[in-house]
Amino acid sequence: MGLSPFRAISHTLTTVSTGGFGTENASIGSPIFTHPMKIWMTAFMIFGSISFPFYLVIIKRKFSDFRQRFEEVWWWFAILLIAAAILITQYLRGGLDVHPVDIVFNIVSVSSSTGYVSSDSDQWGSIGIGILLILMMIGGCSGSTSGGLKVSRIVLWFRFVASGLERSFRPKVVSPIKLNGRQVSDDSINQLFLVLSLFGFFGIAGTVLFQLVDPGHTLLGAISTVISCLGNHGPAFAEMGPTENFSSINAPAKLVCVGLMILGRLEYVALIVLFTRGLWKKY
């Protein structure tokens, strides 16, 4: 049985926009979705998670500094390949009872924040769940429709740490931090640490608050729900996992999730500034 035109259009729109809200209760795990369909959807989830200026360069055929200008895109592909290689190795060793197409599909879906699932990733073991949680936090590329912290921030953080370690034993060295072939300003570095700090704060505070108002859930369920809301992903793990939903959460916990989703979509700073007293007194 194939997809009806309505179902096809619905899944096309929510795939390319990395929205992930489909028409089937079983998401992409429904029998109507074949492996070729999943491969096709995987491609469009990738298209939606790449920086949109990337496509302008392709259209204008300006390939002279193609690799350097879109370093973040190549890093994102590298992250996907590493995650897929680890989990497919687990599959080949008999540690995962999941088809490789489903492994790749779910990796891209989580990393792009689309939220579609084609198999129960709760059964992927600690390594699989750990990798997916990391991908949920990282997200896709900046300038795309994906959620998460964005790959560019993670790359900049690693480079800042490497630069700081070098300065610790070579204090006079000048080591500018670059991304996409350009030096990153101090203001951008400060903004980077502000966003990372706020993500960590709301991740911890959100988990504690979630368990306080709805103590019946497991720690994995609470942590993954908070990360999912902050990254605008959709499904989480455990009792809020791929084959479950958020219906078991009580009303106060749902309000916590609503707040976290808004914070994640506005990338923390914009919403917090709106509730800063000094802003209203001055402006």
Foldseek 3Di string as FASTA:
>chain_A
DEDDPVQVVQLLVLLLLLQQDGDDLLFCQDPNNDLVNLVVSLVSLLNQQAAPVLVVCVVVVVCPLSCLQRVLNVVQVVLLVVQLVVLVVCVVVVQDPDDSSQSSSLLSSLLQLSQGHNDFQLSNPPSSQVSSLVSLQAHGAPNGSFFHLHSVLVVQVVQVVVVVVVCVVVVPDDDFGDGSRDGDDPVVVVVSVVLVVQLVVCLVVLLVVLCVVPVPDDSQCSNQLLSSLLRNRAAGYDCSHSSHHCPVRDDVSVVSSVVNNVCNVVSNPVVVVVVDPVVVVVD
